[in-house]
N, C-alpha and C. Protein backbone atom coordinates (compact mmCIF):
# COMPACT_ATOMS: atom_id res chain seq x y z
N MET A 1 282.10 69.34 -4.91
CA MET A 1 282.08 67.92 -5.23
C MET A 1 281.45 67.15 -4.07
N LEU A 2 280.53 66.29 -4.38
CA LEU A 2 279.87 65.48 -3.35
C LEU A 2 280.82 64.38 -2.86
N ARG A 3 280.68 64.05 -1.59
CA ARG A 3 281.44 62.95 -0.99
C ARG A 3 280.48 62.05 -0.25
N VAL A 4 280.80 60.76 -0.19
CA VAL A 4 280.00 59.79 0.55
C VAL A 4 280.70 59.50 1.88
N VAL A 5 279.94 59.59 2.96
CA VAL A 5 280.43 59.19 4.28
C VAL A 5 279.44 58.19 4.85
N VAL A 6 279.95 57.28 5.65
CA VAL A 6 279.11 56.24 6.24
C VAL A 6 278.95 56.53 7.72
N ASP A 7 277.70 56.65 8.15
CA ASP A 7 277.38 56.90 9.55
C ASP A 7 277.90 55.74 10.41
N LYS A 8 278.34 56.04 11.61
CA LYS A 8 278.88 55.00 12.50
C LYS A 8 277.88 53.88 12.80
N SER A 9 276.62 54.20 12.81
CA SER A 9 275.59 53.21 13.13
C SER A 9 275.41 52.16 12.03
N VAL A 10 275.99 52.37 10.88
CA VAL A 10 275.82 51.46 9.75
C VAL A 10 276.68 50.21 9.88
N SER A 11 277.69 50.22 10.71
CA SER A 11 278.61 49.09 10.81
C SER A 11 277.91 47.78 11.17
N ALA A 12 276.90 47.82 12.01
CA ALA A 12 276.17 46.60 12.37
C ALA A 12 275.41 46.05 11.16
N ALA A 13 274.80 46.94 10.39
CA ALA A 13 274.09 46.50 9.19
C ALA A 13 275.06 45.94 8.15
N LEU A 14 276.22 46.54 8.03
CA LEU A 14 277.23 46.04 7.10
C LEU A 14 277.73 44.66 7.49
N ALA A 15 277.83 44.43 8.79
CA ALA A 15 278.33 43.14 9.28
C ALA A 15 277.38 42.01 8.90
N LYS A 16 276.10 42.30 8.72
CA LYS A 16 275.12 41.27 8.34
C LYS A 16 275.30 40.81 6.90
N LEU A 17 275.93 41.66 6.08
CA LEU A 17 276.12 41.32 4.68
C LEU A 17 277.33 40.41 4.52
N GLY A 18 277.29 39.55 3.55
CA GLY A 18 278.44 38.72 3.25
C GLY A 18 279.53 39.54 2.58
N PRO A 19 280.74 39.00 2.46
CA PRO A 19 281.85 39.75 1.88
C PRO A 19 281.60 40.19 0.44
N ASP A 20 280.94 39.34 -0.35
CA ASP A 20 280.66 39.72 -1.74
C ASP A 20 279.67 40.89 -1.80
N ALA A 21 278.64 40.84 -0.96
CA ALA A 21 277.66 41.92 -0.93
C ALA A 21 278.28 43.21 -0.42
N GLN A 22 279.16 43.12 0.56
CA GLN A 22 279.85 44.30 1.07
C GLN A 22 280.69 44.93 -0.02
N SER A 23 281.41 44.11 -0.75
CA SER A 23 282.26 44.60 -1.83
C SER A 23 281.44 45.28 -2.92
N GLU A 24 280.33 44.67 -3.30
CA GLU A 24 279.46 45.24 -4.32
C GLU A 24 278.88 46.57 -3.84
N MET A 25 278.45 46.62 -2.58
CA MET A 25 277.87 47.83 -2.04
C MET A 25 278.89 48.96 -2.02
N LEU A 26 280.10 48.68 -1.58
CA LEU A 26 281.12 49.71 -1.52
C LEU A 26 281.48 50.22 -2.91
N GLY A 27 281.49 49.32 -3.90
CA GLY A 27 281.74 49.74 -5.27
C GLY A 27 280.67 50.68 -5.78
N GLU A 28 279.42 50.38 -5.47
CA GLU A 28 278.32 51.25 -5.90
C GLU A 28 278.36 52.59 -5.17
N LEU A 29 278.75 52.58 -3.91
CA LEU A 29 278.84 53.84 -3.16
C LEU A 29 279.91 54.74 -3.75
N ARG A 30 280.98 54.15 -4.28
CA ARG A 30 282.02 54.97 -4.92
C ARG A 30 281.49 55.68 -6.15
N ARG A 31 280.52 55.08 -6.83
CA ARG A 31 279.92 55.69 -8.02
C ARG A 31 278.94 56.81 -7.69
N LEU A 32 278.38 56.76 -6.50
CA LEU A 32 277.28 57.64 -6.12
C LEU A 32 277.56 59.14 -6.31
N PRO A 33 278.67 59.70 -5.85
CA PRO A 33 278.87 61.15 -6.02
C PRO A 33 278.86 61.60 -7.47
N GLY A 34 279.35 60.78 -8.36
CA GLY A 34 279.42 61.17 -9.76
C GLY A 34 278.10 61.12 -10.50
N VAL A 35 277.13 60.39 -9.97
CA VAL A 35 275.85 60.23 -10.68
C VAL A 35 274.66 60.84 -9.94
N PHE A 36 274.84 61.24 -8.69
CA PHE A 36 273.72 61.79 -7.92
C PHE A 36 273.20 63.05 -8.60
N GLY A 37 271.91 63.10 -8.82
CA GLY A 37 271.29 64.25 -9.44
C GLY A 37 271.27 64.20 -10.96
N LEU A 38 271.78 63.11 -11.54
CA LEU A 38 271.76 62.93 -12.99
C LEU A 38 270.93 61.69 -13.29
N PRO A 39 269.61 61.82 -13.40
CA PRO A 39 268.71 60.66 -13.47
C PRO A 39 269.04 59.66 -14.57
N TYR A 40 269.49 60.11 -15.72
CA TYR A 40 269.76 59.16 -16.80
C TYR A 40 271.05 58.41 -16.57
N VAL A 41 271.95 58.97 -15.79
CA VAL A 41 273.22 58.32 -15.51
C VAL A 41 273.07 57.33 -14.35
N HIS A 42 272.33 57.69 -13.32
CA HIS A 42 272.24 56.83 -12.13
C HIS A 42 271.14 55.78 -12.23
N ALA A 43 270.62 55.56 -13.40
CA ALA A 43 269.53 54.58 -13.55
C ALA A 43 269.92 53.21 -13.01
N GLY A 44 271.15 52.79 -13.17
CA GLY A 44 271.60 51.49 -12.67
C GLY A 44 271.55 51.37 -11.17
N LEU A 45 271.74 52.48 -10.48
CA LEU A 45 271.67 52.46 -9.02
C LEU A 45 270.24 52.56 -8.51
N GLY A 46 269.33 52.97 -9.34
CA GLY A 46 267.93 53.07 -8.93
C GLY A 46 267.73 54.05 -7.80
N ILE A 47 268.40 55.18 -7.86
CA ILE A 47 268.27 56.18 -6.80
C ILE A 47 266.87 56.78 -6.86
N ARG A 48 266.24 56.86 -5.69
CA ARG A 48 264.94 57.52 -5.61
C ARG A 48 264.81 58.21 -4.27
N GLN A 49 264.05 59.27 -4.27
CA GLN A 49 263.83 60.02 -3.04
C GLN A 49 262.71 59.36 -2.27
N LEU A 50 262.98 59.05 -0.99
CA LEU A 50 261.98 58.45 -0.11
C LEU A 50 261.19 59.51 0.64
N ARG A 51 261.89 60.52 1.08
CA ARG A 51 261.33 61.67 1.79
C ARG A 51 262.22 62.84 1.42
N PRO A 52 261.81 64.06 1.72
CA PRO A 52 262.69 65.19 1.40
C PRO A 52 264.07 65.03 2.04
N GLY A 53 265.09 64.99 1.21
CA GLY A 53 266.47 64.86 1.70
C GLY A 53 266.91 63.45 2.02
N VAL A 54 266.01 62.47 1.91
CA VAL A 54 266.33 61.07 2.21
C VAL A 54 266.18 60.26 0.93
N TYR A 55 267.23 59.52 0.58
CA TYR A 55 267.25 58.79 -0.69
C TYR A 55 267.60 57.33 -0.47
N GLU A 56 267.24 56.53 -1.47
CA GLU A 56 267.55 55.11 -1.46
C GLU A 56 268.27 54.76 -2.76
N ALA A 57 269.29 53.93 -2.66
CA ALA A 57 269.97 53.41 -3.85
C ALA A 57 269.91 51.89 -3.79
N ARG A 58 269.79 51.29 -4.94
CA ARG A 58 269.68 49.84 -5.05
C ARG A 58 271.08 49.26 -5.30
N VAL A 59 271.40 48.20 -4.56
CA VAL A 59 272.63 47.45 -4.78
C VAL A 59 272.21 46.00 -4.99
N GLY A 60 272.20 45.54 -6.21
CA GLY A 60 271.73 44.20 -6.49
C GLY A 60 270.21 44.13 -6.37
N LEU A 61 269.72 42.91 -6.24
CA LEU A 61 268.27 42.72 -6.18
C LEU A 61 267.68 42.98 -4.81
N LYS A 62 268.40 42.69 -3.76
CA LYS A 62 267.82 42.75 -2.42
C LYS A 62 268.36 43.86 -1.53
N ILE A 63 269.56 44.31 -1.75
CA ILE A 63 270.19 45.26 -0.84
C ILE A 63 269.86 46.70 -1.24
N ARG A 64 269.50 47.48 -0.24
CA ARG A 64 269.21 48.90 -0.41
C ARG A 64 270.09 49.70 0.54
N VAL A 65 270.44 50.89 0.11
CA VAL A 65 271.24 51.81 0.91
C VAL A 65 270.43 53.08 1.06
N VAL A 66 270.24 53.53 2.29
CA VAL A 66 269.54 54.79 2.53
C VAL A 66 270.58 55.83 2.91
N PHE A 67 270.49 56.98 2.25
CA PHE A 67 271.42 58.06 2.55
C PHE A 67 270.69 59.38 2.55
N GLU A 68 271.30 60.35 3.23
CA GLU A 68 270.75 61.69 3.31
C GLU A 68 271.78 62.67 2.77
N ARG A 69 271.28 63.70 2.14
CA ARG A 69 272.17 64.73 1.65
C ARG A 69 272.30 65.81 2.70
N ALA A 70 273.54 66.14 3.04
CA ALA A 70 273.84 67.20 4.00
C ALA A 70 274.91 68.09 3.36
N GLY A 71 274.47 69.09 2.64
CA GLY A 71 275.42 69.95 1.93
C GLY A 71 276.11 69.17 0.83
N ASP A 72 277.44 69.10 0.92
CA ASP A 72 278.19 68.36 -0.10
C ASP A 72 278.48 66.92 0.33
N LEU A 73 277.79 66.45 1.37
CA LEU A 73 277.96 65.08 1.85
C LEU A 73 276.72 64.25 1.55
N LEU A 74 276.94 63.00 1.17
CA LEU A 74 275.88 62.00 1.08
C LEU A 74 276.17 61.03 2.22
N VAL A 75 275.36 61.09 3.26
CA VAL A 75 275.61 60.34 4.49
C VAL A 75 274.79 59.05 4.47
N VAL A 76 275.48 57.91 4.42
CA VAL A 76 274.81 56.62 4.43
C VAL A 76 274.29 56.38 5.84
N LYS A 77 272.97 56.16 5.95
CA LYS A 77 272.33 55.99 7.25
C LYS A 77 272.03 54.55 7.60
N THR A 78 271.71 53.72 6.61
CA THR A 78 271.46 52.31 6.86
C THR A 78 271.59 51.52 5.58
N VAL A 79 271.77 50.23 5.75
CA VAL A 79 271.90 49.28 4.65
C VAL A 79 271.07 48.06 5.01
N GLY A 80 270.34 47.52 4.05
CA GLY A 80 269.57 46.32 4.34
C GLY A 80 268.59 45.99 3.24
N ASP A 81 267.67 45.09 3.55
CA ASP A 81 266.64 44.72 2.58
C ASP A 81 265.44 45.66 2.75
N HIS A 82 264.37 45.37 2.02
CA HIS A 82 263.19 46.25 2.06
C HIS A 82 262.63 46.39 3.47
N ALA A 83 262.58 45.31 4.23
CA ALA A 83 262.05 45.37 5.60
C ALA A 83 262.93 46.24 6.49
N ASP A 84 264.25 46.13 6.34
CA ASP A 84 265.16 46.97 7.13
C ASP A 84 264.95 48.44 6.82
N ILE A 85 264.75 48.75 5.55
CA ILE A 85 264.55 50.14 5.15
C ILE A 85 263.23 50.68 5.69
N ARG A 86 262.17 49.90 5.60
CA ARG A 86 260.88 50.33 6.16
C ARG A 86 261.00 50.56 7.67
N ARG A 87 261.69 49.66 8.35
CA ARG A 87 261.88 49.80 9.80
C ARG A 87 262.66 51.08 10.12
N TYR A 88 263.71 51.34 9.36
CA TYR A 88 264.50 52.55 9.57
C TYR A 88 263.63 53.80 9.40
N LEU A 89 262.85 53.85 8.33
CA LEU A 89 262.03 55.02 8.07
C LEU A 89 260.96 55.20 9.15
N ARG A 90 260.40 54.11 9.62
CA ARG A 90 259.37 54.18 10.66
C ARG A 90 259.96 54.72 11.97
N ASN A 91 261.21 54.33 12.28
CA ASN A 91 261.82 54.71 13.55
C ASN A 91 262.62 56.01 13.48
N ARG A 92 262.75 56.55 12.28
CA ARG A 92 263.55 57.78 12.10
C ARG A 92 262.82 58.96 12.71
N THR A 93 263.58 59.76 13.42
CA THR A 93 262.97 60.95 14.02
C THR A 93 263.26 62.19 13.24
């Protein structure tokens, strides 16, 4: 069974979100293990692969969550808008 874990570095990005956006994001993350890998089921989350092993999920119109699969874990690496995600991918080693 897949589990979602949030990387420690994500706390600063989460702090930038308002309480409503945080609540919505956490609700969507709870759904993630049950729908990951089932394209017709996860359509609402808009999950797509950005790079091998690196994925993006949509939360609302502006917020994106980037996560990586590590075995049975889906590790949330960053949260933000499109610019934040591009910056993360550019700086990722």
